[in-house]
Amino acid sequence: MDKVTGPLGPRRAIAAAVKKLREDDGKVLAEAAQDLMMSSSKLSRLENAQGKPLPRDIRDIIRYYRIEGTPLAGRLERWVKAAQSRGWWTNFDDEVVGGLDAHLAYEVDAAVERVYTIPFIPVLLQTLDYARAVYRDMEHRPESDIEQLLAIRLRRQEALRGREGLDPLRLIAVTHESSLRQVVGSPAIMRAQLDALAERSAVPNVTLRVLPFTAKPAFSMTCMYAHFGYKDAGESDIVHIETHAGFFSVEDTAQVEKYRVAHDALAQASLTEEGSLARIHEIRDSMR
């Protein structure tokens, strides 16, 4: 798989638009590629959001389908310009592996990120000491790697405070109660983490709900995932599921909507925001 070096939202928007233009024109891939004087593999990659689209290719496609001056042409030109930007995570190539590059590329320009986590605190709300303990004690990373990974963690969390040209990321997080009780590092680290969790979830663009042990089992409650939602009409929502083997994407529209509904159901089964905050304080006070 190609290394993802920039935001994926614009690439996916271009891919969907270019494929629809071809299909609406009644052309098969090989025929359109020949007319555009590009290889079938190149057009296929463009229609599957693989690799960085080139402005000249989009210019040729706009002319080929005779859509100059239309709103769609304007969107394609805007998307291809956005797709040229280089992601900040490319400065951490050695640490951004296992699909994390794609995850960061989805996250960087999403309007809202809906996450469910078990048995760890949501990444964007973790303290550095908590994250360090996960890398050290569970993943057994060397100290040299940990410092770079923590720098990535900090950079990601900045999105909750502000982003250039975009509103701050909206985070809607559901975390299983086990994440509050699982001792990571030490009781002292956990107390500090729970204090920080209460503080960080109080900002307007963050919603945190705790799914208690008493909740009935629900679809998607056994795996960690993020549902990324976008404002731009051309950028379709996507789900990224996290496993021990890395991340993988769910792009099918029906399946993505299923996860969207499932996340709402998890939130509905969870404690209220006030109840979640009370549970956080209760567990924090019990860790002596």
Protein backbone atom coordinates (compact mmCIF):
# COMPACT_ATOMS: atom_id res chain seq x y z
CA MET A 1 0.00 0.00 0.00
CA ASP A 2 1.18 3.52 -0.78
CA LYS A 3 2.22 5.62 2.19
CA VAL A 4 -0.48 8.21 2.85
CA THR A 5 1.22 11.60 2.82
CA GLY A 6 -1.74 13.98 2.89
CA PRO A 7 -5.44 14.31 3.73
CA LEU A 8 -7.56 11.51 2.29
CA GLY A 9 -10.88 13.35 2.28
CA PRO A 10 -10.15 15.35 -0.90
CA ARG A 11 -8.69 12.28 -2.65
CA ARG A 12 -11.78 10.22 -1.89
CA ALA A 13 -14.04 13.06 -3.08
CA ILE A 14 -12.11 13.25 -6.36
CA ALA A 15 -12.25 9.46 -6.75
CA ALA A 16 -16.02 9.31 -6.34
CA ALA A 17 -16.62 12.26 -8.68
CA VAL A 18 -14.32 10.99 -11.43
CA LYS A 19 -15.80 7.50 -11.35
CA LYS A 20 -19.35 8.89 -11.50
CA LEU A 21 -18.45 11.12 -14.45
CA ARG A 22 -17.11 8.12 -16.34
CA GLU A 23 -20.08 5.89 -15.54
CA ASP A 24 -22.62 8.62 -16.36
CA ASP A 25 -20.86 9.04 -19.72
CA GLY A 26 -21.22 5.33 -20.41
CA LYS A 27 -17.47 4.70 -20.66
CA VAL A 28 -15.56 1.69 -19.43
CA LEU A 29 -12.28 2.34 -17.62
CA ALA A 30 -10.00 1.35 -20.51
CA GLU A 31 -11.92 3.51 -22.99
CA ALA A 32 -11.83 6.61 -20.78
CA ALA A 33 -8.15 6.07 -19.98
CA GLN A 34 -7.28 5.82 -23.69
CA ASP A 35 -9.20 9.02 -24.46
CA LEU A 36 -7.44 10.80 -21.61
CA MET A 37 -4.06 9.46 -22.79
CA MET A 38 -3.29 7.84 -19.45
CA SER A 39 -2.86 4.20 -18.45
CA SER A 40 -5.83 2.23 -17.20
CA SER A 41 -3.93 1.56 -13.98
CA LYS A 42 -3.43 5.30 -13.43
CA LEU A 43 -7.12 6.08 -13.94
CA SER A 44 -8.05 3.13 -11.72
CA ARG A 45 -5.80 4.46 -8.97
CA LEU A 46 -7.37 7.89 -9.33
CA GLU A 47 -10.87 6.39 -9.05
CA ASN A 48 -9.81 4.46 -5.94
CA ALA A 49 -8.12 7.39 -4.14
CA GLN A 50 -4.71 5.71 -4.38
CA GLY A 51 -1.79 8.07 -4.69
CA LYS A 52 -1.85 11.84 -4.95
CA PRO A 53 -3.98 13.20 -7.83
CA LEU A 54 -2.18 15.62 -10.15
CA PRO A 55 -3.70 19.00 -11.08
CA ARG A 56 -3.04 18.43 -14.79
CA ASP A 57 -4.96 15.14 -14.71
CA ILE A 58 -7.96 16.83 -13.10
CA ARG A 59 -7.72 19.64 -15.67
CA ASP A 60 -7.80 17.06 -18.48
CA ILE A 61 -10.77 15.24 -16.89
CA ILE A 62 -12.73 18.50 -16.57
CA ARG A 63 -12.17 19.20 -20.27
CA TYR A 64 -12.86 15.61 -21.34
CA TYR A 65 -16.26 15.52 -19.66
CA ARG A 66 -17.04 19.09 -20.78
CA ILE A 67 -17.79 20.42 -17.31
CA GLU A 68 -15.65 23.58 -17.44
CA GLY A 69 -17.12 26.39 -15.36
CA THR A 70 -19.56 24.13 -13.48
CA PRO A 71 -19.78 23.84 -9.68
CA LEU A 72 -18.40 20.29 -9.95
CA ALA A 73 -15.34 21.55 -11.83
CA GLY A 74 -14.81 24.11 -9.10
CA ARG A 75 -15.02 21.43 -6.43
CA LEU A 76 -12.59 19.18 -8.30
CA GLU A 77 -10.11 22.03 -8.59
CA ARG A 78 -10.47 22.80 -4.89
CA TRP A 79 -10.08 19.15 -3.91
CA VAL A 80 -6.98 18.58 -6.03
CA LYS A 81 -5.37 21.67 -4.51
CA ALA A 82 -6.17 20.42 -0.99
CA ALA A 83 -4.81 16.97 -1.89
CA GLN A 84 -1.37 18.44 -2.61
CA SER A 85 -0.81 19.47 1.03
CA ARG A 86 1.68 17.38 2.96
CA GLY A 87 0.51 15.84 6.21
CA TRP A 88 2.36 16.75 9.40
CA TRP A 89 2.78 13.04 10.21
CA THR A 90 5.24 12.62 7.32
CA ASN A 91 7.86 13.99 9.73
CA PHE A 92 7.40 10.77 11.75
CA ASP A 93 7.65 8.12 9.02
CA ASP A 94 9.34 5.50 11.19
CA GLU A 95 6.60 5.62 13.84
CA VAL A 96 3.52 6.05 11.63
CA VAL A 97 2.97 2.44 10.54
CA GLY A 98 0.25 -0.21 10.47
CA GLY A 99 -2.35 2.04 8.87
CA LEU A 100 -1.87 4.90 11.33
CA ASP A 101 -0.98 7.15 8.38
CA ALA A 102 -4.45 6.64 6.89
CA HIS A 103 -6.06 7.18 10.30
CA LEU A 104 -4.28 10.52 10.69
CA ALA A 105 -5.15 11.46 7.11
CA TYR A 106 -8.86 10.87 7.84
CA GLU A 107 -8.63 12.72 11.14
CA VAL A 108 -6.81 15.80 9.86
CA ASP A 109 -9.77 17.28 7.97
CA ALA A 110 -12.79 15.51 9.47
CA ALA A 111 -15.44 17.76 10.97
CA VAL A 112 -16.41 15.24 13.65
CA GLU A 113 -14.81 12.08 14.99
CA ARG A 114 -17.04 9.61 16.80
CA VAL A 115 -14.98 7.07 18.72
CA TYR A 116 -15.58 4.07 20.92
CA THR A 117 -12.74 2.74 23.07
CA ILE A 118 -12.15 -0.32 25.23
CA PRO A 119 -10.20 -0.79 27.48
CA PHE A 120 -8.22 2.44 27.03
CA ILE A 121 -9.02 6.11 27.38
CA PRO A 122 -9.69 7.81 24.00
CA VAL A 123 -6.34 8.77 22.44
CA LEU A 124 -7.24 12.42 22.00
CA LEU A 125 -7.97 12.71 25.73
CA GLN A 126 -4.95 10.81 27.08
CA THR A 127 -2.22 12.36 29.21
CA LEU A 128 1.40 11.87 28.19
CA ASP A 129 2.17 9.77 31.27
CA TYR A 130 -0.76 7.47 30.48
CA ALA A 131 0.25 7.13 26.82
CA ARG A 132 3.90 6.56 27.81
CA ALA A 133 2.85 3.71 30.10
CA VAL A 134 0.86 2.06 27.29
CA TYR A 135 3.82 2.25 24.91
CA ARG A 136 6.27 1.06 27.55
CA ASP A 137 4.35 -1.64 29.44
CA MET A 138 2.04 -3.09 26.78
CA GLU A 139 3.85 -2.44 23.50
CA HIS A 140 7.38 -2.65 24.99
CA ARG A 141 8.65 0.22 22.85
CA PRO A 142 12.20 1.56 23.34
CA GLU A 143 12.45 4.98 24.94
CA SER A 144 13.72 6.55 21.72
CA ASP A 145 10.52 5.48 19.92
CA ILE A 146 8.28 6.53 22.79
CA GLU A 147 9.37 10.16 22.67
CA GLN A 148 8.50 10.34 18.97
CA LEU A 149 5.16 8.60 19.54
CA LEU A 150 4.31 11.06 22.30
CA ALA A 151 5.10 13.94 19.96
CA ILE A 152 2.59 12.44 17.49
CA ARG A 153 0.02 12.11 20.27
CA LEU A 154 0.44 15.78 21.22
CA ARG A 155 0.15 16.89 17.60
CA ARG A 156 -3.09 14.98 17.19
CA GLN A 157 -4.58 16.49 20.32
CA GLU A 158 -3.98 20.00 18.99
CA ALA A 159 -6.88 19.43 16.58
CA LEU A 160 -9.30 19.75 19.50
CA ARG A 161 -8.04 23.28 20.18
CA GLY A 162 -7.75 24.61 16.64
CA ARG A 163 -6.76 23.85 13.04
CA GLU A 164 -5.58 26.13 10.28
CA GLY A 165 -8.45 26.87 7.93
CA LEU A 166 -10.82 24.53 9.80
CA ASP A 167 -12.93 24.56 12.93
CA PRO A 168 -11.54 22.57 15.87
CA LEU A 169 -12.26 18.85 15.57
CA ARG A 170 -15.55 17.82 17.19
CA LEU A 171 -15.00 14.70 19.31
CA ILE A 172 -17.91 12.52 20.41
CA ALA A 173 -16.43 9.73 22.50
CA VAL A 174 -17.96 6.70 24.18
CA THR A 175 -15.59 4.75 26.38
CA HIS A 176 -16.30 1.54 28.26
CA GLU A 177 -16.19 1.75 32.04
CA SER A 178 -13.33 -0.76 31.97
CA SER A 179 -11.10 1.97 30.50
CA LEU A 180 -11.56 4.01 33.68
CA ARG A 181 -10.72 1.07 35.94
CA GLN A 182 -7.89 -0.52 33.95
CA VAL A 183 -4.76 0.59 35.81
CA VAL A 184 -2.28 1.85 33.23
CA GLY A 185 1.15 2.71 34.63
CA SER A 186 0.19 3.16 38.27
CA PRO A 187 -2.72 4.36 40.43
CA ALA A 188 -1.09 7.81 40.54
CA ILE A 189 -0.95 7.97 36.73
CA MET A 190 -4.57 6.84 36.57
CA ARG A 191 -5.73 9.46 39.06
CA ALA A 192 -4.03 12.17 37.03
CA GLN A 193 -5.51 10.74 33.85
CA LEU A 194 -9.03 10.70 35.25
CA ASP A 195 -8.63 14.29 36.48
CA ALA A 196 -7.49 15.29 33.00
CA LEU A 197 -10.34 13.33 31.41
CA ALA A 198 -12.90 15.27 33.43
CA GLU A 199 -11.23 18.57 32.53
CA ARG A 200 -10.72 17.87 28.82
CA SER A 201 -14.26 16.60 28.31
CA ALA A 202 -15.68 19.87 29.60
CA VAL A 203 -14.80 21.90 26.49
CA PRO A 204 -17.67 22.66 24.05
CA ASN A 205 -16.40 20.53 21.14
CA VAL A 206 -15.88 17.38 23.24
CA THR A 207 -18.64 15.03 24.38
CA LEU A 208 -17.72 12.06 26.57
CA ARG A 209 -20.04 9.27 27.65
CA VAL A 210 -19.16 6.23 29.76
CA LEU A 211 -20.72 2.88 28.83
CA PRO A 212 -21.19 1.21 32.24
CA PHE A 213 -20.76 -2.45 33.10
CA THR A 214 -24.52 -2.55 33.70
CA ALA A 215 -25.34 -1.68 30.06
CA LYS A 216 -26.73 -4.41 27.83
CA PRO A 217 -24.41 -5.69 25.07
CA ALA A 218 -24.66 -3.72 21.84
CA PHE A 219 -23.26 -3.99 18.32
CA SER A 220 -19.69 -2.64 17.95
CA MET A 221 -18.99 -2.54 21.71
CA THR A 222 -16.19 -5.12 21.49
CA CYS A 223 -13.83 -3.25 19.15
CA MET A 224 -12.26 0.19 19.05
CA TYR A 225 -13.17 2.32 16.08
CA ALA A 226 -13.56 5.87 14.80
CA HIS A 227 -16.34 7.15 12.56
CA PHE A 228 -15.10 10.21 10.65
CA GLY A 229 -17.71 12.68 9.42
CA TYR A 230 -17.03 15.46 6.90
CA LYS A 231 -18.70 18.79 6.12
CA ASP A 232 -17.85 18.92 2.43
CA ALA A 233 -20.66 17.29 0.46
CA GLY A 234 -18.15 15.48 -1.74
CA GLU A 235 -16.25 13.84 1.10
CA SER A 236 -18.03 10.70 2.27
CA ASP A 237 -17.89 9.51 5.87
CA ILE A 238 -15.69 6.53 6.71
CA VAL A 239 -15.04 4.15 9.61
CA HIS A 240 -11.57 3.13 10.74
CA ILE A 241 -11.34 0.09 13.00
CA GLU A 242 -8.32 -0.45 15.24
CA THR A 243 -6.98 -3.95 15.90
CA HIS A 244 -3.74 -5.44 17.23
CA ALA A 245 -2.71 -6.00 13.62
CA GLY A 246 -3.31 -2.36 12.67
CA PHE A 247 -6.18 -0.36 11.21
CA PHE A 248 -8.59 -1.18 8.44
CA SER A 249 -11.26 0.90 6.73
CA VAL A 250 -14.99 0.40 6.22
CA GLU A 251 -16.04 2.44 3.18
CA ASP A 252 -19.29 0.83 2.06
CA THR A 253 -22.00 3.45 2.58
CA ALA A 254 -24.47 1.06 4.21
CA GLN A 255 -21.85 -0.32 6.60
CA VAL A 256 -20.59 3.16 7.50
CA GLU A 257 -24.16 4.19 8.32
CA LYS A 258 -24.54 1.02 10.41
CA TYR A 259 -21.58 2.11 12.54
CA ARG A 260 -23.00 5.63 12.77
CA VAL A 261 -26.27 4.23 14.12
CA ALA A 262 -24.36 1.86 16.41
CA HIS A 263 -22.39 4.73 17.91
CA ASP A 264 -25.62 6.59 18.65
CA ALA A 265 -26.94 3.42 20.30
CA LEU A 266 -23.80 3.12 22.43
CA ALA A 267 -24.18 6.74 23.51
CA GLN A 268 -27.84 6.14 24.31
CA ALA A 269 -26.93 3.10 26.45
CA SER A 270 -24.24 5.07 28.26
CA LEU A 271 -24.46 7.28 31.29
CA THR A 272 -25.40 10.89 30.64
CA GLU A 273 -22.56 13.40 30.38
CA GLU A 274 -23.22 14.41 33.99
CA GLY A 275 -23.46 10.78 35.07
CA SER A 276 -20.26 9.96 33.19
CA LEU A 277 -18.43 12.78 34.94
CA ALA A 278 -19.70 11.55 38.30
CA ARG A 279 -18.51 8.01 37.52
CA ILE A 280 -15.07 9.35 36.56
CA HIS A 281 -14.79 11.20 39.87
CA GLU A 282 -16.07 8.18 41.80
CA ILE A 283 -13.47 5.86 40.27
CA ARG A 284 -10.74 8.45 40.65
CA ASP A 285 -11.49 8.82 44.36
CA SER A 286 -11.38 5.04 44.82
CA MET A 287 -7.78 4.85 43.54
CA ARG A 288 -5.75 5.45 46.69
